[in-house]
Amino acid sequence: MTRRSRSWDEHLARNLKNHEFAREFVLALLDEGFGIQQALATTIRAYGIKEFAEWAGMPSSNVSRAIRPGYNPGLRLLERLLKPFGLRLAAMPSTAKKRGKGRAA
């Protein structure tokens, strides 16, 4: 990810205190192709790990570990991280056509 100026980071952190903005920011990152963990990590780091942990009612060490690139959080933990944003995990049909023998696309 591109390094941003300090003022940009501070401005984003202030905007993320608005919970509606924070939710839309996570959704925008997902729309841009970020994975769920990467989108959460980007948002939570910009918000502030300690501040987010308080908002989510979780220990900051658990939040920090969950957003580490090498960590593989379970569904329950992802749900806990999404809940403060008013989001939850869901399944939906893929828009990509499947190709394979004997299957209609």
PDB file of N, CA and C in Angstrom:
ATOM      1  N   MET A   1       0.844  -1.174   0.000  1.00  0.00           N
ATOM      2  CA  MET A   1       0.000   0.000   0.000  1.00  0.00           C
ATOM      3  C   MET A   1       0.891   1.239   0.000  1.00  0.00           C
ATOM      4  N   THR A   2       0.460   2.251  -0.676  1.00  0.00           N
ATOM      5  CA  THR A   2       1.201   3.498  -0.772  1.00  0.00           C
ATOM      6  C   THR A   2       1.272   4.182   0.585  1.00  0.00           C
ATOM      7  N   ARG A   3       2.449   4.711   0.900  1.00  0.00           N
ATOM      8  CA  ARG A   3       2.582   5.472   2.143  1.00  0.00           C
ATOM      9  C   ARG A   3       1.875   6.810   1.984  1.00  0.00           C
ATOM     10  N   ARG A   4       1.162   7.201   2.987  1.00  0.00           N
ATOM     11  CA  ARG A   4       0.409   8.452   2.958  1.00  0.00           C
ATOM     12  C   ARG A   4       1.065   9.460   3.884  1.00  0.00           C
ATOM     13  N   SER A   5       0.717  10.711   3.689  1.00  0.00           N
ATOM     14  CA  SER A   5       1.245  11.752   4.560  1.00  0.00           C
ATOM     15  C   SER A   5       0.608  11.641   5.937  1.00  0.00           C
ATOM     16  N   ARG A   6       1.272  12.212   6.897  1.00  0.00           N
ATOM     17  CA  ARG A   6       0.754  12.188   8.265  1.00  0.00           C
ATOM     18  C   ARG A   6      -0.606  12.879   8.347  1.00  0.00           C
ATOM     19  N   SER A   7      -0.751  14.014   7.649  1.00  0.00           N
ATOM     20  CA  SER A   7      -2.025  14.733   7.714  1.00  0.00           C
ATOM     21  C   SER A   7      -3.152  13.908   7.080  1.00  0.00           C
ATOM     22  N   TRP A   8      -2.835  13.167   5.996  1.00  0.00           N
ATOM     23  CA  TRP A   8      -3.836  12.310   5.375  1.00  0.00           C
ATOM     24  C   TRP A   8      -4.279  11.237   6.366  1.00  0.00           C
ATOM     25  N   ASP A   9      -3.312  10.597   7.042  1.00  0.00           N
ATOM     26  CA  ASP A   9      -3.625   9.562   8.023  1.00  0.00           C
ATOM     27  C   ASP A   9      -4.465  10.113   9.170  1.00  0.00           C
ATOM     28  N   GLU A  10      -4.112  11.294   9.650  1.00  0.00           N
ATOM     29  CA  GLU A  10      -4.868  11.900  10.749  1.00  0.00           C
ATOM     30  C   GLU A  10      -6.282  12.260  10.310  1.00  0.00           C
ATOM     31  N   HIS A  11      -6.415  12.758   9.095  1.00  0.00           N
ATOM     32  CA  HIS A  11      -7.733  13.106   8.567  1.00  0.00           C
ATOM     33  C   HIS A  11      -8.599  11.846   8.425  1.00  0.00           C
ATOM     34  N   LEU A  12      -8.018  10.770   7.891  1.00  0.00           N
ATOM     35  CA  LEU A  12      -8.755   9.516   7.751  1.00  0.00           C
ATOM     36  C   LEU A  12      -9.157   8.981   9.121  1.00  0.00           C
ATOM     37  N   ALA A  13      -8.245   9.017  10.077  1.00  0.00           N
ATOM     38  CA  ALA A  13      -8.556   8.530  11.425  1.00  0.00           C
ATOM     39  C   ALA A  13      -9.726   9.304  12.028  1.00  0.00           C
ATOM     40  N   ARG A  14      -9.755  10.611  11.821  1.00  0.00           N
ATOM     41  CA  ARG A  14     -10.880  11.423  12.319  1.00  0.00           C
ATOM     42  C   ARG A  14     -12.181  11.031  11.627  1.00  0.00           C
ATOM     43  N   ASN A  15     -12.130  10.866  10.308  1.00  0.00           N
ATOM     44  CA  ASN A  15     -13.337  10.479   9.567  1.00  0.00           C
ATOM     45  C   ASN A  15     -13.850   9.109   9.975  1.00  0.00           C
ATOM     46  N   LEU A  16     -12.944   8.197  10.303  1.00  0.00           N
ATOM     47  CA  LEU A  16     -13.349   6.844  10.682  1.00  0.00           C
ATOM     48  C   LEU A  16     -14.067   6.805  12.032  1.00  0.00           C
ATOM     49  N   LYS A  17     -13.971   7.870  12.813  1.00  0.00           N
ATOM     50  CA  LYS A  17     -14.706   7.929  14.084  1.00  0.00           C
ATOM     51  C   LYS A  17     -16.208   8.004  13.819  1.00  0.00           C
ATOM     52  N   ASN A  18     -16.584   8.452  12.619  1.00  0.00           N
ATOM     53  CA  ASN A  18     -17.980   8.418  12.193  1.00  0.00           C
ATOM     54  C   ASN A  18     -18.249   6.980  11.744  1.00  0.00           C
ATOM     55  N   HIS A  19     -19.073   6.274  12.479  1.00  0.00           N
ATOM     56  CA  HIS A  19     -19.261   4.843  12.245  1.00  0.00           C
ATOM     57  C   HIS A  19     -19.850   4.527  10.876  1.00  0.00           C
ATOM     58  N   GLU A  20     -20.701   5.411  10.362  1.00  0.00           N
ATOM     59  CA  GLU A  20     -21.239   5.205   9.009  1.00  0.00           C
ATOM     60  C   GLU A  20     -20.119   5.316   7.970  1.00  0.00           C
ATOM     61  N   PHE A  21     -19.237   6.300   8.146  1.00  0.00           N
ATOM     62  CA  PHE A  21     -18.095   6.456   7.241  1.00  0.00           C
ATOM     63  C   PHE A  21     -17.196   5.220   7.323  1.00  0.00           C
ATOM     64  N   ALA A  22     -16.958   4.739   8.540  1.00  0.00           N
ATOM     65  CA  ALA A  22     -16.101   3.568   8.731  1.00  0.00           C
ATOM     66  C   ALA A  22     -16.672   2.350   7.998  1.00  0.00           C
ATOM     67  N   ARG A  23     -17.984   2.130   8.106  1.00  0.00           N
ATOM     68  CA  ARG A  23     -18.618   1.003   7.412  1.00  0.00           C
ATOM     69  C   ARG A  23     -18.450   1.149   5.903  1.00  0.00           C
ATOM     70  N   GLU A  24     -18.718   2.342   5.391  1.00  0.00           N
ATOM     71  CA  GLU A  24     -18.586   2.574   3.953  1.00  0.00           C
ATOM     72  C   GLU A  24     -17.139   2.433   3.485  1.00  0.00           C
ATOM     73  N   PHE A  25     -16.198   2.796   4.337  1.00  0.00           N
ATOM     74  CA  PHE A  25     -14.779   2.656   4.003  1.00  0.00           C
ATOM     75  C   PHE A  25     -14.413   1.177   3.854  1.00  0.00           C
ATOM     76  N   VAL A  26     -14.864   0.338   4.801  1.00  0.00           N
ATOM     77  CA  VAL A  26     -14.614  -1.110   4.709  1.00  0.00           C
ATOM     78  C   VAL A  26     -15.240  -1.659   3.430  1.00  0.00           C
ATOM     79  N   LEU A  27     -16.478  -1.300   3.158  1.00  0.00           N
ATOM     80  CA  LEU A  27     -17.159  -1.792   1.958  1.00  0.00           C
ATOM     81  C   LEU A  27     -16.465  -1.334   0.679  1.00  0.00           C
ATOM     82  N   ALA A  28     -15.955  -0.104   0.673  1.00  0.00           N
ATOM     83  CA  ALA A  28     -15.239   0.406  -0.502  1.00  0.00           C
ATOM     84  C   ALA A  28     -13.954  -0.396  -0.730  1.00  0.00           C
ATOM     85  N   LEU A  29     -13.244  -0.720   0.350  1.00  0.00           N
ATOM     86  CA  LEU A  29     -12.026  -1.531   0.215  1.00  0.00           C
ATOM     87  C   LEU A  29     -12.357  -2.915  -0.347  1.00  0.00           C
ATOM     88  N   LEU A  30     -13.444  -3.502   0.114  1.00  0.00           N
ATOM     89  CA  LEU A  30     -13.859  -4.815  -0.401  1.00  0.00           C
ATOM     90  C   LEU A  30     -14.225  -4.709  -1.880  1.00  0.00           C
ATOM     91  N   ASP A  31     -14.917  -3.649  -2.256  1.00  0.00           N
ATOM     92  CA  ASP A  31     -15.264  -3.432  -3.664  1.00  0.00           C
ATOM     93  C   ASP A  31     -14.027  -3.257  -4.534  1.00  0.00           C
ATOM     94  N   GLU A  32     -12.980  -2.712  -3.957  1.00  0.00           N
ATOM     95  CA  GLU A  32     -11.728  -2.501  -4.694  1.00  0.00           C
ATOM     96  C   GLU A  32     -10.915  -3.786  -4.827  1.00  0.00           C
ATOM     97  N   GLY A  33     -11.376  -4.871  -4.202  1.00  0.00           N
ATOM     98  CA  GLY A  33     -10.686  -6.145  -4.339  1.00  0.00           C
ATOM     99  C   GLY A  33      -9.843  -6.549  -3.142  1.00  0.00           C
ATOM    100  N   PHE A  34      -9.881  -5.763  -2.066  1.00  0.00           N
ATOM    101  CA  PHE A  34      -9.168  -6.160  -0.858  1.00  0.00           C
ATOM    102  C   PHE A  34      -9.836  -7.402  -0.282  1.00  0.00           C
ATOM    103  N   GLY A  35      -9.059  -8.281   0.304  1.00  0.00           N
ATOM    104  CA  GLY A  35      -9.617  -9.412   1.040  1.00  0.00           C
ATOM    105  C   GLY A  35     -10.214  -8.892   2.339  1.00  0.00           C
ATOM    106  N   ILE A  36     -11.076  -9.670   2.967  1.00  0.00           N
ATOM    107  CA  ILE A  36     -11.764  -9.228   4.184  1.00  0.00           C
ATOM    108  C   ILE A  36     -10.767  -8.872   5.293  1.00  0.00           C
ATOM    109  N   GLN A  37      -9.757  -9.707   5.493  1.00  0.00           N
ATOM    110  CA  GLN A  37      -8.790  -9.429   6.546  1.00  0.00           C
ATOM    111  C   GLN A  37      -7.975  -8.177   6.222  1.00  0.00           C
ATOM    112  N   GLN A  38      -7.603  -8.004   4.972  1.00  0.00           N
ATOM    113  CA  GLN A  38      -6.828  -6.835   4.565  1.00  0.00           C
ATOM    114  C   GLN A  38      -7.658  -5.555   4.701  1.00  0.00           C
ATOM    115  N   ALA A  39      -8.926  -5.615   4.327  1.00  0.00           N
ATOM    116  CA  ALA A  39      -9.808  -4.446   4.459  1.00  0.00           C
ATOM    117  C   ALA A  39      -9.981  -4.067   5.927  1.00  0.00           C
ATOM    118  N   LEU A  40     -10.199  -5.068   6.770  1.00  0.00           N
ATOM    119  CA  LEU A  40     -10.338  -4.805   8.202  1.00  0.00           C
ATOM    120  C   LEU A  40      -9.039  -4.256   8.776  1.00  0.00           C
ATOM    121  N   ALA A  41      -7.916  -4.855   8.399  1.00  0.00           N
ATOM    122  CA  ALA A  41      -6.625  -4.413   8.918  1.00  0.00           C
ATOM    123  C   ALA A  41      -6.350  -2.959   8.543  1.00  0.00           C
ATOM    124  N   THR A  42      -6.598  -2.616   7.293  1.00  0.00           N
ATOM    125  CA  THR A  42      -6.366  -1.247   6.829  1.00  0.00           C
ATOM    126  C   THR A  42      -7.228  -0.261   7.610  1.00  0.00           C
ATOM    127  N   THR A  43      -8.487  -0.602   7.769  1.00  0.00           N
ATOM    128  CA  THR A  43      -9.425   0.285   8.467  1.00  0.00           C
ATOM    129  C   THR A  43      -9.099   0.386   9.947  1.00  0.00           C
ATOM    130  N   ILE A  44      -8.858  -0.745  10.580  1.00  0.00           N
ATOM    131  CA  ILE A  44      -8.589  -0.762  12.021  1.00  0.00           C
ATOM    132  C   ILE A  44      -7.281  -0.038  12.341  1.00  0.00           C
ATOM    133  N   ARG A  45      -6.261  -0.247  11.526  1.00  0.00           N
ATOM    134  CA  ARG A  45      -4.993   0.465  11.765  1.00  0.00           C
ATOM    135  C   ARG A  45      -5.179   1.973  11.613  1.00  0.00           C
ATOM    136  N   ALA A  46      -5.954   2.388  10.616  1.00  0.00           N
ATOM    137  CA  ALA A  46      -6.198   3.815  10.419  1.00  0.00           C
ATOM    138  C   ALA A  46      -7.027   4.382  11.575  1.00  0.00           C
ATOM    139  N   TYR A  47      -7.970   3.601  12.072  1.00  0.00           N
ATOM    140  CA  TYR A  47      -8.827   4.012  13.186  1.00  0.00           C
ATOM    141  C   TYR A  47      -8.010   4.111  14.467  1.00  0.00           C
ATOM    142  N   GLY A  48      -7.086   3.154  14.621  1.00  0.00           N
ATOM    143  CA  GLY A  48      -6.280   3.015  15.833  1.00  0.00           C
ATOM    144  C   GLY A  48      -6.643   1.702  16.497  1.00  0.00           C
ATOM    145  N   ILE A  49      -5.686   0.807  16.625  1.00  0.00           N
ATOM    146  CA  ILE A  49      -5.975  -0.535  17.162  1.00  0.00           C
ATOM    147  C   ILE A  49      -6.555  -0.459  18.565  1.00  0.00           C
ATOM    148  N   LYS A  50      -5.946   0.330  19.416  1.00  0.00           N
ATOM    149  CA  LYS A  50      -6.421   0.428  20.804  1.00  0.00           C
ATOM    150  C   LYS A  50      -7.835   1.000  20.858  1.00  0.00           C
ATOM    151  N   GLU A  51      -8.082   2.042  20.063  1.00  0.00           N
ATOM    152  CA  GLU A  51      -9.412   2.661  20.047  1.00  0.00           C
ATOM    153  C   GLU A  51     -10.457   1.707  19.478  1.00  0.00           C
ATOM    154  N   PHE A  52     -10.085   0.978  18.414  1.00  0.00           N
ATOM    155  CA  PHE A  52     -11.031   0.021  17.840  1.00  0.00           C
ATOM    156  C   PHE A  52     -11.334  -1.097  18.842  1.00  0.00           C
ATOM    157  N   ALA A  53     -10.309  -1.574  19.529  1.00  0.00           N
ATOM    158  CA  ALA A  53     -10.503  -2.648  20.507  1.00  0.00           C
ATOM    159  C   ALA A  53     -11.509  -2.226  21.578  1.00  0.00           C
ATOM    160  N   GLU A  54     -11.412  -0.974  22.030  1.00  0.00           N
ATOM    161  CA  GLU A  54     -12.382  -0.473  23.010  1.00  0.00           C
ATOM    162  C   GLU A  54     -13.780  -0.440  22.417  1.00  0.00           C
ATOM    163  N   TRP A  55     -13.893   0.037  21.171  1.00  0.00           N
ATOM    164  CA  TRP A  55     -15.179   0.107  20.475  1.00  0.00           C
ATOM    165  C   TRP A  55     -15.776  -1.282  20.312  1.00  0.00           C
ATOM    166  N   ALA A  56     -14.933  -2.267  20.002  1.00  0.00           N
ATOM    167  CA  ALA A  56     -15.394  -3.635  19.757  1.00  0.00           C
ATOM    168  C   ALA A  56     -15.544  -4.447  21.039  1.00  0.00           C
ATOM    169  N   GLY A  57     -15.032  -3.927  22.150  1.00  0.00           N
ATOM    170  CA  GLY A  57     -15.103  -4.665  23.415  1.00  0.00           C
ATOM    171  C   GLY A  57     -14.196  -5.886  23.426  1.00  0.00           C
ATOM    172  N   MET A  58     -13.026  -5.740  22.823  1.00  0.00           N
ATOM    173  CA  MET A  58     -12.052  -6.836  22.720  1.00  0.00           C
ATOM    174  C   MET A  58     -10.703  -6.355  23.232  1.00  0.00           C
ATOM    175  N   PRO A  59      -9.865  -7.274  23.706  1.00  0.00           N
ATOM    176  CA  PRO A  59      -8.494  -6.884  24.056  1.00  0.00           C
ATOM    177  C   PRO A  59      -7.735  -6.452  22.794  1.00  0.00           C
ATOM    178  N   SER A  60      -6.951  -5.396  22.910  1.00  0.00           N
ATOM    179  CA  SER A  60      -6.224  -4.894  21.736  1.00  0.00           C
ATOM    180  C   SER A  60      -5.231  -5.927  21.213  1.00  0.00           C
ATOM    181  N   SER A  61      -4.714  -6.796  22.084  1.00  0.00           N
ATOM    182  CA  SER A  61      -3.790  -7.842  21.611  1.00  0.00           C
ATOM    183  C   SER A  61      -4.502  -8.817  20.674  1.00  0.00           C
ATOM    184  N   ASN A  62      -5.771  -9.106  20.938  1.00  0.00           N
ATOM    185  CA  ASN A  62      -6.536  -9.996  20.056  1.00  0.00           C
ATOM    186  C   ASN A  62      -6.809  -9.335  18.711  1.00  0.00           C
ATOM    187  N   VAL A  63      -7.123  -8.050  18.739  1.00  0.00           N
ATOM    188  CA  VAL A  63      -7.368  -7.313  17.492  1.00  0.00           C
ATOM    189  C   VAL A  63      -6.084  -7.262  16.676  1.00  0.00           C
ATOM    190  N   SER A  64      -4.995  -6.920  17.332  1.00  0.00           N
ATOM    191  CA  SER A  64      -3.705  -6.821  16.655  1.00  0.00           C
ATOM    192  C   SER A  64      -3.315  -8.144  16.002  1.00  0.00           C
ATOM    193  N   ARG A  65      -3.494  -9.236  16.717  1.00  0.00           N
ATOM    194  CA  ARG A  65      -3.166 -10.559  16.175  1.00  0.00           C
ATOM    195  C   ARG A  65      -4.088 -10.903  15.000  1.00  0.00           C
ATOM    196  N   ALA A  66      -5.357 -10.588  15.105  1.00  0.00           N
ATOM    197  CA  ALA A  66      -6.339 -10.948  14.069  1.00  0.00           C
ATOM    198  C   ALA A  66      -6.079 -10.262  12.737  1.00  0.00           C
ATOM    199  N   ILE A  67      -5.472  -9.079  12.764  1.00  0.00           N
ATOM    200  CA  ILE A  67      -5.256  -8.348  11.518  1.00  0.00           C
ATOM    201  C   ILE A  67      -3.838  -8.504  10.982  1.00  0.00           C
ATOM    202  N   ARG A  68      -3.029  -9.310  11.664  1.00  0.00           N
ATOM    203  CA  ARG A  68      -1.677  -9.584  11.171  1.00  0.00           C
ATOM    204  C   ARG A  68      -1.759 -10.383   9.888  1.00  0.00           C
ATOM    205  N   PRO A  69      -0.965 -10.052   8.868  1.00  0.00           N
ATOM    206  CA  PRO A  69      -1.042 -10.731   7.567  1.00  0.00           C
ATOM    207  C   PRO A  69      -0.898 -12.249   7.622  1.00  0.00           C
ATOM    208  N   GLY A  70      -0.064 -12.788   8.490  1.00  0.00           N
ATOM    209  CA  GLY A  70       0.137 -14.233   8.544  1.00  0.00           C
ATOM    210  C   GLY A  70      -0.901 -14.986   9.360  1.00  0.00           C
ATOM    211  N   TYR A  71      -1.785 -14.264  10.043  1.00  0.00           N
ATOM    212  CA  TYR A  71      -2.772 -14.897  10.908  1.00  0.00           C
ATOM    213  C   TYR A  71      -4.020 -15.250  10.104  1.00  0.00           C
ATOM    214  N   ASN A  72      -4.618 -16.388  10.417  1.00  0.00           N
ATOM    215  CA  ASN A  72      -5.821 -16.842   9.725  1.00  0.00           C
ATOM    216  C   ASN A  72      -6.991 -16.826  10.714  1.00  0.00           C
ATOM    217  N   PRO A  73      -7.717 -15.705  10.800  1.00  0.00           N
ATOM    218  CA  PRO A  73      -8.808 -15.617  11.769  1.00  0.00           C
ATOM    219  C   PRO A  73      -9.984 -16.510  11.382  1.00  0.00           C
ATOM    220  N   GLY A  74     -10.626 -17.058  12.378  1.00  0.00           N
ATOM    221  CA  GLY A  74     -11.809 -17.879  12.144  1.00  0.00           C
ATOM    222  C   GLY A  74     -13.030 -17.010  11.883  1.00  0.00           C
ATOM    223  N   LEU A  75     -14.115 -17.661  11.510  1.00  0.00           N
ATOM    224  CA  LEU A  75     -15.352 -16.932  11.197  1.00  0.00           C
ATOM    225  C   LEU A  75     -15.872 -16.137  12.389  1.00  0.00           C
ATOM    226  N   ARG A  76     -15.799 -16.729  13.574  1.00  0.00           N
ATOM    227  CA  ARG A  76     -16.295 -16.037  14.768  1.00  0.00           C
ATOM    228  C   ARG A  76     -15.543 -14.739  15.021  1.00  0.00           C
ATOM    229  N   LEU A  77     -14.231 -14.810  14.858  1.00  0.00           N
ATOM    230  CA  LEU A  77     -13.415 -13.622  15.079  1.00  0.00           C
ATOM    231  C   LEU A  77     -13.684 -12.567  14.009  1.00  0.00           C
ATOM    232  N   LEU A  78     -13.815 -12.990  12.762  1.00  0.00           N
ATOM    233  CA  LEU A  78     -14.150 -12.031  11.699  1.00  0.00           C
ATOM    234  C   LEU A  78     -15.490 -11.355  11.989  1.00  0.00           C
ATOM    235  N   GLU A  79     -16.461 -12.136  12.445  1.00  0.00           N
ATOM    236  CA  GLU A  79     -17.767 -11.570  12.792  1.00  0.00           C
ATOM    237  C   GLU A  79     -17.632 -10.527  13.903  1.00  0.00           C
ATOM    238  N   ARG A  80     -16.790 -10.813  14.904  1.00  0.00           N
ATOM    239  CA  ARG A  80     -16.592  -9.859  16.010  1.00  0.00           C
ATOM    240  C   ARG A  80     -15.950  -8.574  15.512  1.00  0.00           C
ATOM    241  N   LEU A  81     -15.040  -8.695  14.539  1.00  0.00           N
ATOM    242  CA  LEU A  81     -14.376  -7.512  13.992  1.00  0.00           C
ATOM    243  C   LEU A  81     -15.314  -6.707  13.089  1.00  0.00           C
ATOM    244  N   LEU A  82     -16.229  -7.366  12.423  1.00  0.00           N
ATOM    245  CA  LEU A  82     -17.172  -6.695  11.524  1.00  0.00           C
ATOM    246  C   LEU A  82     -18.333  -6.033  12.274  1.00  0.00           C
ATOM    247  N   LYS A  83     -18.712  -6.607  13.404  1.00  0.00           N
ATOM    248  CA  LYS A  83     -19.898  -6.149  14.132  1.00  0.00           C
ATOM    249  C   LYS A  83     -19.885  -4.647  14.457  1.00  0.00           C
ATOM    250  N   PRO A  84     -18.778  -4.078  14.939  1.00  0.00           N
ATOM    251  CA  PRO A  84     -18.802  -2.644  15.231  1.00  0.00           C
ATOM    252  C   PRO A  84     -19.107  -1.776  14.000  1.00  0.00           C
ATOM    253  N   PHE A  85     -18.798  -2.280  12.816  1.00  0.00           N
ATOM    254  CA  PHE A  85     -19.082  -1.545  11.585  1.00  0.00           C
ATOM    255  C   PHE A  85     -20.514  -1.761  11.105  1.00  0.00           C
ATOM    256  N   GLY A  86     -21.263  -2.592  11.826  1.00  0.00           N
ATOM    257  CA  GLY A  86     -22.628  -2.896  11.405  1.00  0.00           C
ATOM    258  C   GLY A  86     -22.644  -3.843  10.217  1.00  0.00           C
ATOM    259  N   LEU A  87     -21.597  -4.670  10.103  1.00  0.00           N
ATOM    260  CA  LEU A  87     -21.478  -5.616   8.992  1.00  0.00           C
ATOM    261  C   LEU A  87     -21.424  -7.038   9.520  1.00  0.00           C
ATOM    262  N   ARG A  88     -21.720  -7.973   8.637  1.00  0.00           N
ATOM    263  CA  ARG A  88     -21.607  -9.392   8.959  1.00  0.00           C
ATOM    264  C   ARG A  88     -21.216 -10.146   7.705  1.00  0.00           C
ATOM    265  N   LEU A  89     -20.715 -11.347   7.878  1.00  0.00           N
ATOM    266  CA  LEU A  89     -20.347 -12.179   6.730  1.00  0.00           C
ATOM    267  C   LEU A  89     -21.605 -12.769   6.112  1.00  0.00           C
ATOM    268  N   ALA A  90     -21.601 -12.908   4.804  1.00  0.00           N
ATOM    269  CA  ALA A  90     -22.739 -13.498   4.100  1.00  0.00           C
ATOM    270  C   ALA A  90     -22.239 -14.158   2.827  1.00  0.00           C
ATOM    271  N   ALA A  91     -23.000 -15.104   2.343  1.00  0.00           N
ATOM    272  CA  ALA A  91     -22.695 -15.758   1.069  1.00  0.00           C
ATOM    273  C   ALA A  91     -23.654 -15.221   0.022  1.00  0.00           C
ATOM    274  N   MET A  92     -23.154 -15.106  -1.206  1.00  0.00           N
ATOM    275  CA  MET A  92     -24.004 -14.649  -2.294  1.00  0.00           C
ATOM    276  C   MET A  92     -23.539 -15.312  -3.584  1.00  0.00           C
ATOM    277  N   PRO A  93     -24.391 -15.394  -4.564  1.00  0.00           N
ATOM    278  CA  PRO A  93     -24.003 -16.033  -5.816  1.00  0.00           C
ATOM    279  C   PRO A  93     -22.842 -15.296  -6.471  1.00  0.00           C
ATOM    280  N   SER A  94     -21.991 -16.052  -7.079  1.00  0.00           N
ATOM    281  CA  SER A  94     -20.862 -15.486  -7.802  1.00  0.00           C
ATOM    282  C   SER A  94     -21.354 -14.952  -9.136  1.00  0.00           C
ATOM    283  N   THR A  95     -20.758 -13.870  -9.593  1.00  0.00           N
ATOM    284  CA  THR A  95     -21.136 -13.316 -10.887  1.00  0.00           C
ATOM    285  C   THR A  95     -20.315 -13.930 -12.010  1.00  0.00           C
ATOM    286  N   ALA A  96     -19.257 -14.657 -11.641  1.00  0.00           N
ATOM    287  CA  ALA A  96     -18.403 -15.290 -12.656  1.00  0.00           C
ATOM    288  C   ALA A  96     -19.076 -16.548 -13.179  1.00  0.00           C
ATOM    289  N   LYS A  97     -18.973 -16.755 -14.497  1.00  0.00           N
ATOM    290  CA  LYS A  97     -19.541 -17.961 -15.092  1.00  0.00           C
ATOM    291  C   LYS A  97     -18.584 -19.121 -14.868  1.00  0.00           C
ATOM    292  N   LYS A  98     -19.160 -20.269 -14.517  1.00  0.00           N
ATOM    293  CA  LYS A  98     -18.348 -21.476 -14.343  1.00  0.00           C
ATOM    294  C   LYS A  98     -18.215 -22.186 -15.668  1.00  0.00           C
ATOM    295  N   ARG A  99     -17.054 -22.708 -15.904  1.00  0.00           N
ATOM    296  CA  ARG A  99     -16.827 -23.501 -17.107  1.00  0.00           C
ATOM    297  C   ARG A  99     -16.443 -24.895 -16.684  1.00  0.00           C
ATOM    298  N   GLY A 100     -17.018 -25.831 -17.306  1.00  0.00           N
ATOM    299  CA  GLY A 100     -16.690 -27.219 -16.977  1.00  0.00           C
ATOM    300  C   GLY A 100     -17.485 -28.159 -17.855  1.00  0.00           C
ATOM    301  N   LYS A 101     -17.031 -29.401 -17.914  1.00  0.00           N
ATOM    302  CA  LYS A 101     -17.711 -30.401 -18.722  1.00  0.00           C
ATOM    303  C   LYS A 101     -19.090 -30.685 -18.160  1.00  0.00           C
ATOM    304  N   GLY A 102     -20.058 -30.707 -19.055  1.00  0.00           N
ATOM    305  CA  GLY A 102     -21.400 -31.120 -18.678  1.00  0.00           C
ATOM    306  C   GLY A 102     -22.181 -30.075 -17.899  1.00  0.00           C
ATOM    307  N   ARG A 103     -21.640 -28.896 -17.728  1.00  0.00           N
ATOM    308  CA  ARG A 103     -22.351 -27.864 -16.977  1.00  0.00           C
ATOM    309  C   ARG A 103     -22.711 -26.711 -17.884  1.00  0.00           C
ATOM    310  N   ALA A 104     -23.918 -26.252 -17.724  1.00  0.00           N
ATOM    311  CA  ALA A 104     -24.341 -25.070 -18.484  1.00  0.00           C
ATOM    312  C   ALA A 104     -23.805 -23.832 -17.793  1.00  0.00           C
ATOM    313  N   ALA A 105     -23.339 -22.900 -18.567  1.00  0.00           N
ATOM    314  CA  ALA A 105     -22.782 -21.677 -17.972  1.00  0.00           C
ATOM    315  C   ALA A 105     -23.839 -20.620 -17.859  1.00  0.00           C
TER     316      ALA A 105
END
